[in-house]
Amino acid sequence: MEAQIKIATEKKLIGKHIEMSFLENKTFQLWSGFMPKLKVITNKIDACLYSLEVFPVNYFDNFDSGRTFQKWAAVEVTDFDSVPDEMETLLIPNGLYAVFIHKGPASEGHKTYHTIFAEWLPNSDYTVDERPHFAVMDEKYKKDDPNSEEEIWIPIKNRD
């Protein structure tokens, strides 16, 4: 699997989040609550959807699939001047990312993540950084379609 190394510029997001773990996946619940309210966000930059994970510091040092993190459903916006009720803001800071393309149904995304964390990352010059992880879903994303595509952005930094 190939990665493109990119510098992400700061992104302002509006959305909703939920506390969950890999053992107790609440992604469907999160998106089911977010999508009906999407139209009330009036200052979207584009039609892309963002699925984000905000992990506690050192989350991956001693991995525990039952440990919780924040999972977000969001869109990028021009500013935080108009945040609808029941929505929250999240700022993704500038930073270095390894970007991968997941091709195939969303239900097989775990295979791509396994390849990233078990194969690509240990053999790279990088380690995971303490910034949000995110996937960008544009018009190529078709959920469970075998031709679906989404970008996966993993925050990285040079190994010490």
Protein backbone atom coordinates (compact mmCIF):
# COMPACT_ATOMS: atom_id res chain seq x y z
CA MET A 1 0.00 0.00 0.00
CA GLU A 2 1.36 3.38 -1.00
CA ALA A 3 1.07 6.55 1.01
CA GLN A 4 1.25 10.12 -0.13
CA ILE A 5 2.93 12.32 2.47
CA LYS A 6 1.07 15.63 2.64
CA ILE A 7 0.94 18.70 4.84
CA ALA A 8 -2.66 19.39 5.81
CA THR A 9 -3.61 22.99 6.35
CA GLU A 10 -5.81 23.94 9.29
CA LYS A 11 -9.42 22.82 8.88
CA LYS A 12 -12.49 24.11 10.71
CA LEU A 13 -15.18 21.46 11.12
CA ILE A 14 -18.73 21.45 12.40
CA GLY A 15 -20.37 18.19 13.35
CA LYS A 16 -21.26 15.80 16.14
CA HIS A 17 -19.20 13.37 18.17
CA ILE A 18 -19.74 10.33 20.33
CA GLU A 19 -17.50 8.46 22.78
CA MET A 20 -16.86 4.92 21.63
CA SER A 21 -14.26 2.16 21.48
CA PHE A 22 -13.22 -0.25 18.77
CA LEU A 23 -15.02 -2.98 20.74
CA GLU A 24 -18.21 -0.94 21.02
CA ASN A 25 -18.45 0.70 17.60
CA LYS A 26 -21.15 3.39 17.48
CA THR A 27 -20.32 4.79 14.03
CA PHE A 28 -23.74 3.98 12.56
CA GLN A 29 -25.49 5.67 15.50
CA LEU A 30 -23.29 8.77 15.08
CA TRP A 31 -23.90 9.17 11.35
CA SER A 32 -27.62 8.39 11.72
CA GLY A 33 -27.85 11.36 14.09
CA PHE A 34 -25.67 13.66 11.97
CA MET A 35 -26.90 13.24 8.38
CA PRO A 36 -30.52 14.42 8.92
CA LYS A 37 -29.14 17.67 10.40
CA LEU A 38 -26.51 18.27 7.70
CA LYS A 39 -28.69 20.79 5.85
CA VAL A 40 -28.67 23.22 8.81
CA ILE A 41 -24.93 23.81 8.35
CA THR A 42 -24.99 26.76 5.97
CA ASN A 43 -21.30 27.62 5.58
CA LYS A 44 -19.91 24.32 4.22
CA ILE A 45 -16.83 24.62 2.02
CA ASP A 46 -17.82 21.65 -0.16
CA ALA A 47 -19.88 18.44 -0.15
CA CYS A 48 -17.15 16.29 1.47
CA LEU A 49 -17.95 14.44 4.68
CA TYR A 50 -15.33 13.90 7.39
CA SER A 51 -15.18 10.88 9.67
CA LEU A 52 -12.67 11.62 12.44
CA GLU A 53 -11.13 9.97 15.47
CA VAL A 54 -9.65 12.01 18.28
CA PHE A 55 -7.61 9.63 20.41
CA PRO A 56 -6.33 10.28 23.95
CA VAL A 57 -2.59 10.97 24.22
CA ASN A 58 -0.49 7.78 23.83
CA TYR A 59 -3.59 5.81 22.80
CA PHE A 60 -1.60 3.46 20.57
CA ASP A 61 1.30 2.85 22.98
CA ASN A 62 -0.48 0.00 24.78
CA PHE A 63 -3.39 -0.65 22.46
CA ASP A 64 -6.62 -1.71 24.16
CA SER A 65 -9.63 -2.13 21.85
CA GLY A 66 -11.95 -1.34 24.78
CA ARG A 67 -10.38 2.07 25.49
CA THR A 68 -12.61 4.96 24.38
CA PHE A 69 -11.97 7.83 21.99
CA GLN A 70 -14.05 10.50 20.25
CA LYS A 71 -15.57 9.63 16.88
CA TRP A 72 -16.79 12.59 14.81
CA ALA A 73 -19.08 13.06 11.81
CA ALA A 74 -18.45 16.51 10.34
CA VAL A 75 -18.08 18.85 7.38
CA GLU A 76 -15.48 21.55 6.72
CA VAL A 77 -16.75 25.11 7.10
CA THR A 78 -15.47 28.60 6.34
CA ASP A 79 -15.76 29.78 9.96
CA PHE A 80 -17.38 29.12 13.33
CA ASP A 81 -19.64 32.21 13.19
CA SER A 82 -22.81 30.14 12.80
CA VAL A 83 -22.83 26.83 14.69
CA PRO A 84 -26.27 25.17 14.63
CA ASP A 85 -27.85 23.90 17.84
CA GLU A 86 -26.77 20.36 18.74
CA MET A 87 -23.57 20.76 16.68
CA GLU A 88 -20.00 21.19 17.86
CA THR A 89 -16.76 22.56 16.44
CA LEU A 90 -13.43 20.86 15.90
CA LEU A 91 -10.19 22.38 14.63
CA ILE A 92 -7.66 20.21 12.83
CA PRO A 93 -4.26 21.92 13.13
CA ASN A 94 -1.68 22.11 10.35
CA GLY A 95 0.46 19.01 10.20
CA LEU A 96 2.07 16.15 8.37
CA TYR A 97 -0.16 13.27 7.26
CA ALA A 98 0.20 9.96 5.46
CA VAL A 99 -2.71 9.76 3.02
CA PHE A 100 -4.06 6.44 1.75
CA ILE A 101 -6.92 5.57 -0.59
CA HIS A 102 -9.31 2.90 0.65
CA LYS A 103 -10.99 1.26 -2.34
CA GLY A 104 -13.98 -0.97 -1.75
CA PRO A 105 -16.92 -1.11 0.62
CA ALA A 106 -16.72 0.80 3.89
CA SER A 107 -17.29 -2.51 5.71
CA GLU A 108 -13.81 -3.59 4.55
CA GLY A 109 -12.07 -0.43 5.78
CA HIS A 110 -10.60 -2.35 8.71
CA LYS A 111 -8.36 -4.22 6.22
CA THR A 112 -6.88 -0.96 4.96
CA TYR A 113 -6.31 0.29 8.51
CA HIS A 114 -4.65 -3.01 9.43
CA THR A 115 -2.27 -2.66 6.48
CA ILE A 116 -1.48 0.95 7.46
CA PHE A 117 -0.76 0.22 11.14
CA ALA A 118 0.68 -3.31 10.93
CA GLU A 119 2.70 -3.03 7.73
CA TRP A 120 3.19 0.48 6.35
CA LEU A 121 3.79 2.45 9.56
CA PRO A 122 6.34 0.06 11.20
CA ASN A 123 8.35 0.02 7.95
CA SER A 124 8.25 3.78 7.43
CA ASP A 125 10.34 6.65 8.80
CA TYR A 126 7.29 7.88 10.73
CA THR A 127 5.29 7.32 13.88
CA VAL A 128 1.71 8.37 14.73
CA ASP A 129 1.31 11.96 15.90
CA GLU A 130 -1.20 13.22 18.50
CA ARG A 131 -3.63 14.95 16.12
CA PRO A 132 -7.01 13.87 14.74
CA HIS A 133 -7.14 10.97 12.29
CA PHE A 134 -9.71 11.43 9.55
CA ALA A 135 -11.27 10.05 6.39
CA VAL A 136 -12.58 12.29 3.63
CA MET A 137 -15.58 11.05 1.71
CA ASP A 138 -16.32 12.89 -1.54
CA GLU A 139 -18.43 11.94 -4.56
CA LYS A 140 -16.36 8.73 -5.03
CA TYR A 141 -17.59 7.41 -1.66
CA LYS A 142 -20.51 5.01 -2.08
CA LYS A 143 -20.62 3.25 1.32
CA ASP A 144 -20.88 -0.48 0.55
CA ASP A 145 -20.22 -0.31 -3.19
CA PRO A 146 -17.12 -2.29 -4.26
CA ASN A 147 -16.06 0.74 -6.36
CA SER A 148 -16.27 3.15 -3.44
CA GLU A 149 -13.21 5.27 -2.54
CA GLU A 150 -12.27 7.42 0.44
CA GLU A 151 -9.09 9.14 1.58
CA ILE A 152 -7.64 8.11 4.93
CA TRP A 153 -5.41 10.70 6.63
CA ILE A 154 -3.14 9.43 9.43
CA PRO A 155 -1.23 12.12 11.42
CA ILE A 156 2.49 11.36 11.41
CA LYS A 157 5.79 12.73 12.62
CA ASN A 158 9.38 11.69 11.99
CA ARG A 159 10.71 8.97 14.24
CA ASP A 160 13.00 10.29 16.97
